[in-house]
Amino acid sequence: MEASLARLAAFAGRGAGNADSTGADPLRDEADACLDGMAEVGSMEARLAALKVHFAAGYARAAVAMAGPAVSPQERTAQEMAVTAEVACVLTVSERSAAALLAESATLTSGLPLTLSALQAGSISWQHARVMCDETSGLDPAGAAALEAHFLDPEAPFAARGCPAGELVPGRFRAKARRWRELHHPVSIEARHRKGMEERRLEYVPDRDGMAWLSAYLTADVAVAAWSRATEAARALQEPDESRTLTQLRADVAADWLLAGVAEGTPSPKAQVLVTVPVLSLLGAVTEPATLDGYGPVPPSIARRLVGDGAGSFLRVLTDPRNGAPLEIGRTSYRVPKAMRQWLRLRDGRCPFPGCNNHSLDNEADHLLAWSEGGGTGVTNLGQPCRRHHRLRHTTAWRPVDATRDQPPGWISPAGRSYPSEQQDWEPPRWPQFLGHAGEGRELEPPDRLDVLAGAVGPGEAGPPLPVDPFPDWALFIAA
């Protein structure tokens, strides 16, 4: 902490313009010092949070030891209330907040050593640590350790790809951790989904100022499709003379549909949602979840129903049963065709700007290196930022860089700092036992092939030949 305080004092001096600048641009040096200072403060806050965890867990242990063993459940509850009240008073927080701190401190010190170490090192924030506590709850010790290792141990099998957990905003980290938890939960997603289906409901809650909340607890495919459809309808109403925001339009459209069955003067577009389905799950051979764009893992029964019913609102994408990556759906073209846009959605999952959670269909395909400057039309030279970050990219010095066929672009800030991209956690699927071990007589990795989509193809050019299908027998699986 002393070293951190010394560095922070130096940054503060430079940031206030009180230190002599050794660079050619004193203003840039001052700006860099302020950014470095904010980063150091964030790291110090994490280390202080780790100290608070240490003291909270230590006090709880000492209080239990001093009180002695409880002789009844009522006495145990009273002891816990006393400890919680003491911590709440000393921190001047509510007893609910104190109880949460004590529970999270116990979890971190007894069951999440990698998370606590990362917090002590300042490489993750307190919010990240709380997410890890939440997402490991209900898992056995082995499952919790595996989730921790996936995100915090770079040497773990199938470690998380892309930027480290601490470089993801907490909301995005929660989404990735929850997806991993769903894929590896000891209770099948089908069983948990059946329980959730029984609890579906519509809720009404009065609020202040003559307002109220109306919410529905639905299956994921229905909820995502309804949200997508309302968003598309609201987008269509955004004319130059329309004063309502997108959020207001979405609410008005949904209300009109509920009250009148159809909104007067409102378009009724189809929802367009990607559902990514492992081939063997589609066949019912395994219970590996499918992935619903904008939501996350869903039971394979939902995906099979959507495919079997021919639901036009959902775009079905099969994944390679050898490595979990989506199969090719695009082709080379001068203009960005619909198939290539869909491939970008599969690769990126959302707007690739750090921390952005926008996964709407109106994200805009953008050349990283402009076509006029020699850039090609292919997935390695394309991103799909949302409108806000597309505008940021073209009106400021922020720039996306280093996209690949399977990796979204990272970003370089006006200050020259590099921010890596978040990547999808594709994993090789779990093969059913009746097919034998996945490594016996099977090629687990796709063969080398040309990255056709990455090539620059100009007007009138046919482009290179399409690559060999990495999994030519998938049609036979479907037929079977």
Protein backbone atom coordinates (compact mmCIF):
# COMPACT_ATOMS: atom_id res chain seq x y z
CA MET A 1 0.00 0.00 0.00
CA GLU A 2 2.91 2.36 0.71
CA ALA A 3 4.26 1.84 -2.80
CA SER A 4 0.80 2.46 -4.24
CA LEU A 5 0.45 5.67 -2.25
CA ALA A 6 3.85 6.85 -3.47
CA ARG A 7 2.92 6.19 -7.10
CA LEU A 8 -0.44 7.87 -6.57
CA ALA A 9 1.24 10.96 -5.11
CA ALA A 10 3.51 11.16 -8.16
CA PHE A 11 0.57 10.82 -10.54
CA ALA A 12 -1.38 13.46 -8.60
CA GLY A 13 1.51 15.89 -8.86
CA ARG A 14 1.89 15.37 -12.58
CA GLY A 15 -1.88 15.47 -13.10
CA ALA A 16 -2.11 18.83 -11.35
CA GLY A 17 0.74 20.19 -13.45
CA ASN A 18 2.97 20.54 -10.38
CA ALA A 19 5.79 18.30 -11.62
CA ASP A 20 8.29 19.10 -14.32
CA SER A 21 7.43 17.43 -17.59
CA THR A 22 10.16 15.47 -19.31
CA GLY A 23 8.13 14.86 -22.48
CA ALA A 24 7.69 16.97 -25.57
CA ASP A 25 3.98 17.52 -24.82
CA PRO A 26 3.31 18.66 -21.22
CA LEU A 27 -0.47 18.57 -21.72
CA ARG A 28 -0.31 14.97 -22.93
CA ASP A 29 1.90 14.10 -19.95
CA GLU A 30 -0.68 15.62 -17.60
CA ALA A 31 -3.52 13.70 -19.27
CA ASP A 32 -1.55 10.44 -19.07
CA ALA A 33 -0.81 11.07 -15.40
CA CYS A 34 -4.52 11.52 -14.67
CA LEU A 35 -5.38 8.27 -16.47
CA ASP A 36 -2.59 6.40 -14.69
CA GLY A 37 -3.75 7.88 -11.40
CA MET A 38 -7.33 6.71 -11.93
CA ALA A 39 -6.08 3.21 -12.78
CA GLU A 40 -3.93 3.17 -9.64
CA VAL A 41 -6.87 4.32 -7.50
CA GLY A 42 -8.99 1.52 -8.95
CA SER A 43 -6.29 -1.01 -8.12
CA MET A 44 -5.96 0.39 -4.60
CA GLU A 45 -9.74 0.18 -4.10
CA ALA A 46 -9.57 -3.52 -4.99
CA ARG A 47 -6.74 -4.14 -2.53
CA LEU A 48 -8.62 -2.22 0.17
CA ALA A 49 -11.69 -4.35 -0.54
CA ALA A 50 -9.53 -7.44 -0.04
CA LEU A 51 -8.43 -6.04 3.33
CA LYS A 52 -12.06 -5.44 4.29
CA VAL A 53 -12.83 -9.06 3.36
CA HIS A 54 -9.90 -10.22 5.51
CA PHE A 55 -11.07 -8.21 8.54
CA ALA A 56 -14.76 -9.11 8.11
CA ALA A 57 -14.04 -12.84 7.88
CA GLY A 58 -11.58 -12.60 10.78
CA TYR A 59 -14.08 -10.81 13.01
CA ALA A 60 -16.79 -13.35 12.20
CA ARG A 61 -14.48 -16.23 13.14
CA ALA A 62 -13.40 -14.53 16.37
CA ALA A 63 -16.98 -13.67 17.35
CA VAL A 64 -18.10 -17.27 16.84
CA ALA A 65 -15.18 -18.55 18.91
CA MET A 66 -15.90 -16.11 21.75
CA ALA A 67 -19.61 -16.94 21.79
CA GLY A 68 -19.05 -20.66 21.95
CA PRO A 69 -21.14 -23.34 20.25
CA ALA A 70 -24.85 -22.57 19.91
CA VAL A 71 -27.16 -24.99 21.72
CA SER A 72 -30.14 -24.41 19.43
CA PRO A 73 -30.98 -23.00 15.98
CA GLN A 74 -32.53 -19.97 17.67
CA GLU A 75 -29.31 -19.22 19.55
CA ARG A 76 -27.28 -19.63 16.35
CA THR A 77 -29.55 -17.14 14.58
CA ALA A 78 -29.20 -14.69 17.47
CA GLN A 79 -25.39 -14.94 17.32
CA GLU A 80 -25.42 -14.28 13.57
CA MET A 81 -27.70 -11.26 14.08
CA ALA A 82 -25.33 -9.88 16.72
CA VAL A 83 -22.30 -10.22 14.43
CA THR A 84 -24.17 -8.62 11.52
CA ALA A 85 -25.36 -5.72 13.68
CA GLU A 86 -21.82 -5.05 14.94
CA VAL A 87 -20.39 -4.92 11.40
CA ALA A 88 -23.28 -2.73 10.21
CA CYS A 89 -22.64 -0.22 13.00
CA VAL A 90 -18.89 -0.05 12.57
CA LEU A 91 -19.22 0.50 8.79
CA THR A 92 -22.35 2.69 9.03
CA VAL A 93 -24.25 0.54 6.55
CA SER A 94 -27.54 -1.32 6.67
CA GLU A 95 -27.66 -4.75 8.28
CA ARG A 96 -28.59 -6.17 4.89
CA SER A 97 -25.37 -4.78 3.39
CA ALA A 98 -23.37 -6.02 6.37
CA ALA A 99 -24.87 -9.51 6.03
CA ALA A 100 -23.94 -9.56 2.32
CA LEU A 101 -20.36 -8.50 3.13
CA LEU A 102 -20.01 -11.22 5.76
CA ALA A 103 -21.41 -13.90 3.46
CA GLU A 104 -19.18 -12.84 0.55
CA SER A 105 -16.13 -12.60 2.83
CA ALA A 106 -16.74 -16.14 4.07
CA THR A 107 -17.13 -17.41 0.50
CA LEU A 108 -13.96 -15.68 -0.73
CA THR A 109 -11.75 -16.74 2.18
CA SER A 110 -12.95 -20.33 2.35
CA GLY A 111 -13.82 -21.32 -1.21
CA LEU A 112 -12.49 -18.89 -3.83
CA PRO A 113 -8.72 -18.54 -3.37
CA LEU A 114 -8.01 -17.42 -6.95
CA THR A 115 -10.61 -14.67 -6.72
CA LEU A 116 -9.29 -13.44 -3.39
CA SER A 117 -5.71 -13.45 -4.73
CA ALA A 118 -6.74 -11.47 -7.79
CA LEU A 119 -8.58 -8.96 -5.58
CA GLN A 120 -5.51 -8.62 -3.33
CA ALA A 121 -3.36 -8.02 -6.41
CA GLY A 122 -5.75 -5.38 -7.70
CA SER A 123 -6.29 -7.20 -11.01
CA ILE A 124 -10.06 -7.49 -10.47
CA SER A 125 -12.47 -5.13 -8.72
CA TRP A 126 -14.75 -5.74 -5.76
CA GLN A 127 -17.67 -5.88 -8.22
CA HIS A 128 -15.92 -8.70 -10.11
CA ALA A 129 -15.36 -10.59 -6.86
CA ARG A 130 -19.05 -10.25 -5.95
CA VAL A 131 -20.04 -11.58 -9.37
CA MET A 132 -17.82 -14.62 -8.78
CA CYS A 133 -19.49 -15.20 -5.41
CA ASP A 134 -22.94 -14.98 -7.00
CA GLU A 135 -22.21 -17.26 -9.93
CA THR A 136 -20.50 -19.97 -7.86
CA SER A 137 -23.37 -20.14 -5.37
CA GLY A 138 -25.13 -23.49 -5.60
CA LEU A 139 -22.09 -25.19 -7.15
CA ASP A 140 -20.12 -27.84 -5.33
CA PRO A 141 -16.47 -27.01 -4.44
CA ALA A 142 -15.16 -28.67 -7.61
CA GLY A 143 -17.58 -26.73 -9.80
CA ALA A 144 -16.74 -23.43 -8.10
CA ALA A 145 -13.01 -24.11 -8.49
CA ALA A 146 -13.47 -24.92 -12.18
CA LEU A 147 -15.41 -21.69 -12.81
CA GLU A 148 -12.74 -19.69 -10.98
CA ALA A 149 -9.93 -21.35 -12.91
CA HIS A 150 -11.63 -20.79 -16.27
CA PHE A 151 -11.56 -17.02 -15.81
CA LEU A 152 -8.60 -16.42 -13.49
CA ASP A 153 -6.07 -19.14 -14.34
CA PRO A 154 -4.60 -18.67 -17.85
CA GLU A 155 -3.07 -22.17 -17.65
CA ALA A 156 -6.42 -23.89 -17.07
CA PRO A 157 -7.80 -26.20 -19.80
CA PHE A 158 -10.03 -24.15 -22.11
CA ALA A 159 -9.21 -20.94 -20.23
CA ALA A 160 -11.34 -17.93 -21.16
CA ARG A 161 -10.26 -16.29 -24.41
CA GLY A 162 -9.72 -12.59 -24.99
CA CYS A 163 -9.19 -9.92 -22.38
CA PRO A 164 -8.73 -11.00 -18.73
CA ALA A 165 -11.73 -10.98 -16.39
CA GLY A 166 -10.57 -7.79 -14.67
CA GLU A 167 -10.58 -5.94 -18.00
CA LEU A 168 -14.25 -6.75 -18.62
CA VAL A 169 -16.83 -4.42 -17.10
CA PRO A 170 -18.60 -6.31 -14.27
CA GLY A 171 -21.83 -6.65 -16.26
CA ARG A 172 -20.07 -8.33 -19.16
CA PHE A 173 -18.07 -10.53 -16.78
CA ARG A 174 -21.32 -11.63 -15.15
CA ALA A 175 -22.77 -12.57 -18.55
CA LYS A 176 -19.72 -14.68 -19.45
CA ALA A 177 -19.54 -16.30 -16.00
CA ARG A 178 -23.24 -17.11 -16.09
CA ARG A 179 -22.91 -18.68 -19.54
CA TRP A 180 -20.03 -20.88 -18.35
CA ARG A 181 -22.01 -21.83 -15.24
CA GLU A 182 -25.02 -22.83 -17.35
CA LEU A 183 -22.87 -25.00 -19.60
CA HIS A 184 -21.23 -26.82 -16.68
CA HIS A 185 -23.96 -26.87 -14.04
CA PRO A 186 -24.35 -30.32 -12.41
CA VAL A 187 -28.14 -30.15 -12.81
CA SER A 188 -29.15 -30.28 -16.47
CA ILE A 189 -30.49 -27.09 -17.99
CA GLU A 190 -33.55 -29.04 -19.13
CA ALA A 191 -34.49 -29.86 -15.51
CA ARG A 192 -33.98 -26.27 -14.37
CA HIS A 193 -35.94 -24.99 -17.37
CA ARG A 194 -38.91 -27.24 -16.57
CA LYS A 195 -38.99 -25.80 -13.05
CA GLY A 196 -38.82 -22.27 -14.43
CA MET A 197 -41.64 -22.99 -16.87
CA GLU A 198 -43.93 -23.77 -13.95
CA GLU A 199 -43.17 -20.34 -12.46
CA ARG A 200 -43.97 -18.22 -15.55
CA ARG A 201 -46.20 -15.28 -14.71
CA LEU A 202 -47.22 -11.68 -15.43
CA GLU A 203 -46.60 -9.14 -12.68
CA TYR A 204 -48.03 -5.69 -12.02
CA VAL A 205 -46.40 -3.32 -9.50
CA PRO A 206 -47.70 0.23 -8.86
CA ASP A 207 -45.04 2.95 -8.80
CA ARG A 208 -44.82 6.69 -8.05
CA ASP A 209 -46.05 9.62 -10.13
CA GLY A 210 -48.97 7.81 -11.69
CA MET A 211 -46.74 5.08 -13.21
CA ALA A 212 -46.56 1.31 -12.80
CA TRP A 213 -44.43 -1.67 -13.85
CA LEU A 214 -45.78 -4.53 -15.97
CA SER A 215 -43.36 -7.42 -16.40
CA ALA A 216 -43.56 -10.99 -17.64
CA TYR A 217 -41.51 -14.03 -16.61
CA LEU A 218 -41.37 -16.05 -19.86
CA THR A 219 -39.27 -18.65 -21.63
CA ALA A 220 -36.13 -17.10 -23.06
CA ASP A 221 -37.03 -17.62 -26.72
CA VAL A 222 -40.41 -15.89 -26.31
CA ALA A 223 -38.93 -13.00 -24.32
CA VAL A 224 -36.02 -12.40 -26.70
CA ALA A 225 -38.24 -12.58 -29.77
CA ALA A 226 -40.76 -10.15 -28.26
CA TRP A 227 -38.00 -7.71 -27.29
CA SER A 228 -36.43 -7.92 -30.75
CA ARG A 229 -39.76 -7.42 -32.48
CA ALA A 230 -40.66 -4.41 -30.32
CA THR A 231 -37.23 -2.90 -30.93
CA GLU A 232 -37.53 -3.33 -34.69
CA ALA A 233 -40.99 -1.76 -34.69
CA ALA A 234 -39.74 1.15 -32.58
CA ARG A 235 -36.78 1.68 -34.92
CA ALA A 236 -39.15 1.85 -37.88
CA LEU A 237 -41.07 4.68 -36.19
CA GLN A 238 -37.98 6.84 -35.63
CA GLU A 239 -38.70 9.40 -38.32
CA PRO A 240 -37.19 12.92 -38.38
CA ASP A 241 -40.28 14.49 -36.81
CA GLU A 242 -40.67 11.79 -34.12
CA SER A 243 -39.98 13.26 -30.68
CA ARG A 244 -40.14 10.01 -28.70
CA THR A 245 -36.96 8.16 -27.78
CA LEU A 246 -36.36 4.55 -28.74
CA THR A 247 -37.11 3.50 -25.15
CA GLN A 248 -40.41 5.38 -25.17
CA LEU A 249 -41.35 4.03 -28.59
CA ARG A 250 -40.64 0.46 -27.52
CA ALA A 251 -42.92 0.84 -24.50
CA ASP A 252 -45.70 2.48 -26.58
CA VAL A 253 -45.51 -0.24 -29.24
CA ALA A 254 -45.75 -3.04 -26.66
CA ALA A 255 -48.67 -1.34 -24.92
CA ASP A 256 -50.54 -0.90 -28.22
CA TRP A 257 -50.00 -4.56 -29.10
CA LEU A 258 -51.31 -5.69 -25.70
CA LEU A 259 -54.36 -3.40 -25.61
CA ALA A 260 -55.44 -3.38 -29.25
CA GLY A 261 -53.84 -6.54 -30.57
CA VAL A 262 -52.04 -4.44 -33.17
CA ALA A 263 -50.57 -0.97 -32.92
CA GLU A 264 -52.28 1.62 -35.09
CA GLY A 265 -49.80 2.90 -37.68
CA THR A 266 -47.08 0.72 -36.20
CA PRO A 267 -45.21 -1.74 -38.38
CA SER A 268 -45.21 -5.32 -37.18
CA PRO A 269 -41.85 -6.74 -38.28
CA LYS A 270 -40.67 -10.25 -37.62
CA ALA A 271 -38.15 -10.73 -34.89
CA GLN A 272 -34.75 -11.87 -36.17
CA VAL A 273 -32.84 -13.73 -33.47
CA LEU A 274 -29.87 -16.04 -33.90
CA VAL A 275 -30.08 -19.41 -32.17
CA THR A 276 -26.81 -21.37 -32.25
CA VAL A 277 -27.36 -25.11 -31.89
CA PRO A 278 -24.77 -27.89 -31.40
CA VAL A 279 -25.47 -30.50 -34.07
CA LEU A 280 -25.66 -33.40 -31.61
CA SER A 281 -28.02 -31.46 -29.32
CA LEU A 282 -30.29 -30.89 -32.29
CA LEU A 283 -30.46 -34.64 -32.73
CA GLY A 284 -31.18 -35.25 -29.06
CA ALA A 285 -27.94 -37.21 -28.64
CA VAL A 286 -26.57 -34.87 -25.95
CA THR A 287 -28.07 -32.26 -23.62
CA GLU A 288 -25.56 -29.50 -24.39
CA PRO A 289 -27.36 -26.12 -24.33
CA ALA A 290 -28.02 -24.02 -27.41
CA THR A 291 -27.25 -20.28 -27.34
CA LEU A 292 -29.88 -17.61 -27.91
CA ASP A 293 -28.45 -14.32 -29.16
CA GLY A 294 -29.04 -11.60 -26.59
CA TYR A 295 -29.75 -14.05 -23.79
CA GLY A 296 -27.26 -16.91 -23.48
CA PRO A 297 -27.60 -20.69 -22.95
CA VAL A 298 -31.07 -22.22 -23.37
CA PRO A 299 -32.22 -25.86 -23.18
CA PRO A 300 -31.72 -27.80 -26.43
CA SER A 301 -35.44 -28.61 -26.37
CA ILE A 302 -36.14 -24.95 -27.14
CA ALA A 303 -33.76 -25.04 -30.10
CA ARG A 304 -35.25 -28.29 -31.41
CA ARG A 305 -38.73 -26.81 -31.17
CA LEU A 306 -37.70 -23.66 -33.02
CA VAL A 307 -36.05 -25.69 -35.78
CA GLY A 308 -38.85 -28.24 -35.98
CA ASP A 309 -41.59 -25.61 -36.13
CA GLY A 310 -39.76 -23.68 -38.82
CA ALA A 311 -39.99 -20.48 -36.78
CA GLY A 312 -39.24 -17.70 -39.25
CA SER A 313 -38.25 -15.29 -36.49
CA PHE A 314 -35.15 -17.31 -35.61
CA LEU A 315 -32.00 -17.79 -37.69
CA ARG A 316 -30.60 -21.24 -36.93
CA VAL A 317 -26.82 -21.73 -36.91
CA LEU A 318 -25.25 -25.14 -36.33
CA THR A 319 -21.91 -25.52 -34.56
CA ASP A 320 -19.12 -27.89 -35.49
CA PRO A 321 -19.28 -30.93 -33.15
CA ARG A 322 -15.49 -31.13 -33.03
CA ASN A 323 -14.55 -27.72 -31.64
CA GLY A 324 -17.79 -25.88 -30.85
CA ALA A 325 -17.24 -23.08 -33.40
CA PRO A 326 -20.08 -21.99 -35.70
CA LEU A 327 -20.07 -23.46 -39.18
CA GLU A 328 -19.50 -21.10 -42.11
CA ILE A 329 -22.57 -19.18 -43.23
CA GLY A 330 -21.06 -16.42 -45.40
CA ARG A 331 -19.39 -15.92 -48.76
CA THR A 332 -17.00 -13.33 -50.19
CA SER A 333 -18.58 -10.18 -51.62
CA TYR A 334 -17.70 -6.58 -52.46
CA ARG A 335 -20.59 -5.28 -50.39
CA VAL A 336 -21.16 -6.74 -46.93
CA PRO A 337 -23.89 -9.32 -47.62
CA LYS A 338 -26.46 -10.47 -45.12
CA ALA A 339 -24.67 -13.78 -44.56
CA MET A 340 -21.43 -11.99 -43.69
CA ARG A 341 -23.26 -9.68 -41.29
CA GLN A 342 -24.65 -12.76 -39.59
CA TRP A 343 -21.13 -14.19 -39.35
CA LEU A 344 -20.01 -10.96 -37.65
CA ARG A 345 -22.85 -11.34 -35.17
CA LEU A 346 -21.69 -14.87 -34.44
CA ARG A 347 -18.06 -13.80 -34.02
CA ASP A 348 -18.67 -10.70 -31.90
CA GLY A 349 -21.93 -11.47 -30.10
CA ARG A 350 -22.51 -7.72 -29.61
CA CYS A 351 -20.95 -4.33 -30.28
CA PRO A 352 -17.20 -4.98 -29.88
CA PHE A 353 -16.47 -1.74 -28.01
CA PRO A 354 -15.18 -2.52 -24.48
CA GLY A 355 -18.06 -2.91 -22.06
CA CYS A 356 -20.83 -2.31 -24.61
CA ASN A 357 -23.75 -4.71 -24.26
CA ASN A 358 -25.67 -3.70 -27.39
CA HIS A 359 -26.53 -6.82 -29.40
CA SER A 360 -29.37 -5.36 -31.48
CA LEU A 361 -29.73 -6.22 -35.15
CA ASP A 362 -29.11 -2.63 -36.26
CA ASN A 363 -25.42 -2.72 -35.32
CA GLU A 364 -23.59 -1.41 -38.35
CA ALA A 365 -20.91 -3.26 -40.32
CA ASP A 366 -17.81 -1.06 -40.40
CA HIS A 367 -14.49 -1.40 -42.27
CA LEU A 368 -11.59 -1.19 -39.82
CA LEU A 369 -9.33 -0.01 -42.64
CA ALA A 370 -11.44 2.00 -45.08
CA TRP A 371 -12.00 0.53 -48.53
CA SER A 372 -10.67 3.79 -50.02
CA GLU A 373 -7.43 3.22 -48.10
CA GLY A 374 -6.99 -0.35 -49.33
CA GLY A 375 -9.08 -2.20 -46.78
CA GLY A 376 -10.91 -5.34 -47.87
CA THR A 377 -14.47 -6.49 -47.32
CA GLY A 378 -14.00 -9.52 -45.09
CA VAL A 379 -14.52 -10.49 -41.50
CA THR A 380 -10.89 -9.74 -40.57
CA ASN A 381 -11.40 -6.15 -41.68
CA LEU A 382 -14.93 -5.70 -40.33
CA GLY A 383 -16.53 -4.86 -37.02
CA GLN A 384 -20.16 -4.31 -36.12
CA PRO A 385 -20.29 -1.41 -33.65
CA CYS A 386 -23.56 -0.06 -32.38
CA ARG A 387 -24.61 3.36 -33.67
CA ARG A 388 -23.11 5.16 -30.70
CA HIS A 389 -19.68 3.57 -31.03
CA HIS A 390 -19.76 3.68 -34.83
CA ARG A 391 -20.16 7.44 -34.50
CA LEU A 392 -17.40 7.54 -31.86
CA ARG A 393 -15.06 5.69 -34.23
CA HIS A 394 -15.63 8.16 -37.10
CA THR A 395 -15.78 11.42 -35.14
CA THR A 396 -12.93 10.92 -32.65
CA ALA A 397 -9.48 9.34 -32.55
CA TRP A 398 -10.81 6.03 -31.18
CA ARG A 399 -10.03 3.25 -33.68
CA PRO A 400 -10.69 -0.52 -33.86
CA VAL A 401 -7.78 -2.81 -34.72
CA ASP A 402 -6.62 -6.42 -35.03
CA ALA A 403 -9.80 -8.32 -35.89
CA THR A 404 -9.42 -11.92 -37.01
CA ARG A 405 -11.80 -14.52 -38.38
CA ASP A 406 -12.73 -15.63 -34.85
CA GLN A 407 -11.80 -12.56 -32.76
CA PRO A 408 -13.53 -9.16 -32.65
CA PRO A 409 -11.43 -6.01 -33.01
CA GLY A 410 -9.72 -4.43 -30.03
CA TRP A 411 -9.64 -0.64 -29.67
CA ILE A 412 -6.97 2.06 -29.42
CA SER A 413 -8.01 5.16 -27.48
CA PRO A 414 -7.07 8.77 -28.32
CA ALA A 415 -4.53 8.52 -25.49
CA GLY A 416 -2.85 5.63 -27.32
CA ARG A 417 -3.98 2.98 -24.85
CA SER A 418 -4.95 -0.48 -26.07
CA TYR A 419 -8.17 -2.16 -24.91
CA PRO A 420 -8.57 -5.83 -25.93
CA SER A 421 -11.81 -7.29 -27.22
CA GLU A 422 -14.10 -9.65 -25.39
CA GLN A 423 -14.28 -13.04 -27.12
CA GLN A 424 -16.80 -15.84 -27.25
CA ASP A 425 -16.13 -18.86 -25.03
CA TRP A 426 -16.55 -21.59 -27.63
CA GLU A 427 -15.77 -25.05 -26.28
CA PRO A 428 -15.51 -28.51 -27.78
CA PRO A 429 -18.82 -30.27 -27.06
CA ARG A 430 -19.33 -33.26 -24.81
CA TRP A 431 -19.74 -36.35 -27.00
CA PRO A 432 -22.36 -38.95 -26.04
CA GLN A 433 -20.94 -42.20 -24.72
CA PHE A 434 -22.49 -44.33 -27.44
CA LEU A 435 -20.31 -42.52 -29.99
CA GLY A 436 -17.16 -43.43 -28.09
CA HIS A 437 -14.43 -41.12 -26.91
CA ALA A 438 -14.13 -37.93 -28.97
CA GLY A 439 -10.44 -38.58 -29.55
CA GLU A 440 -10.81 -42.11 -30.89
CA GLY A 441 -10.53 -42.01 -34.65
CA ARG A 442 -11.89 -38.46 -34.85
CA GLU A 443 -10.32 -35.24 -35.96
CA LEU A 444 -10.96 -32.78 -33.13
CA GLU A 445 -9.66 -29.70 -34.89
CA PRO A 446 -10.90 -28.47 -38.27
CA PRO A 447 -8.42 -28.88 -41.13
CA ASP A 448 -6.36 -25.95 -42.32
CA ARG A 449 -8.32 -23.86 -44.76
CA LEU A 450 -8.18 -20.53 -46.50
CA ASP A 451 -9.81 -17.65 -44.68
CA VAL A 452 -11.87 -16.71 -47.70
CA LEU A 453 -13.92 -14.09 -45.93
CA ALA A 454 -10.76 -12.21 -44.99
CA GLY A 455 -9.74 -11.54 -48.59
CA ALA A 456 -10.25 -8.18 -50.24
CA VAL A 457 -12.58 -8.52 -53.19
CA GLY A 458 -13.29 -5.54 -55.40
CA PRO A 459 -16.18 -4.75 -57.73
CA GLY A 460 -16.65 -7.36 -60.41
CA GLU A 461 -14.18 -9.83 -58.89
CA ALA A 462 -15.31 -13.38 -58.25
CA GLY A 463 -12.95 -13.92 -55.34
CA PRO A 464 -11.09 -17.09 -54.37
CA PRO A 465 -12.90 -20.44 -54.27
CA LEU A 466 -14.98 -21.31 -51.24
CA PRO A 467 -13.15 -23.36 -48.59
CA VAL A 468 -13.65 -27.05 -48.05
CA ASP A 469 -16.59 -27.63 -45.71
CA PRO A 470 -14.98 -28.33 -42.29
CA PHE A 471 -17.79 -30.72 -41.40
CA PRO A 472 -19.29 -32.11 -44.61
CA ASP A 473 -21.39 -34.78 -42.90
CA TRP A 474 -23.58 -32.47 -40.83
CA ALA A 475 -26.42 -32.75 -43.36
CA LEU A 476 -26.34 -36.53 -42.87
CA PHE A 477 -26.68 -36.00 -39.12
CA ILE A 478 -29.78 -33.86 -39.67
CA ALA A 479 -31.23 -36.38 -42.10
CA ALA A 480 -30.69 -39.12 -39.55
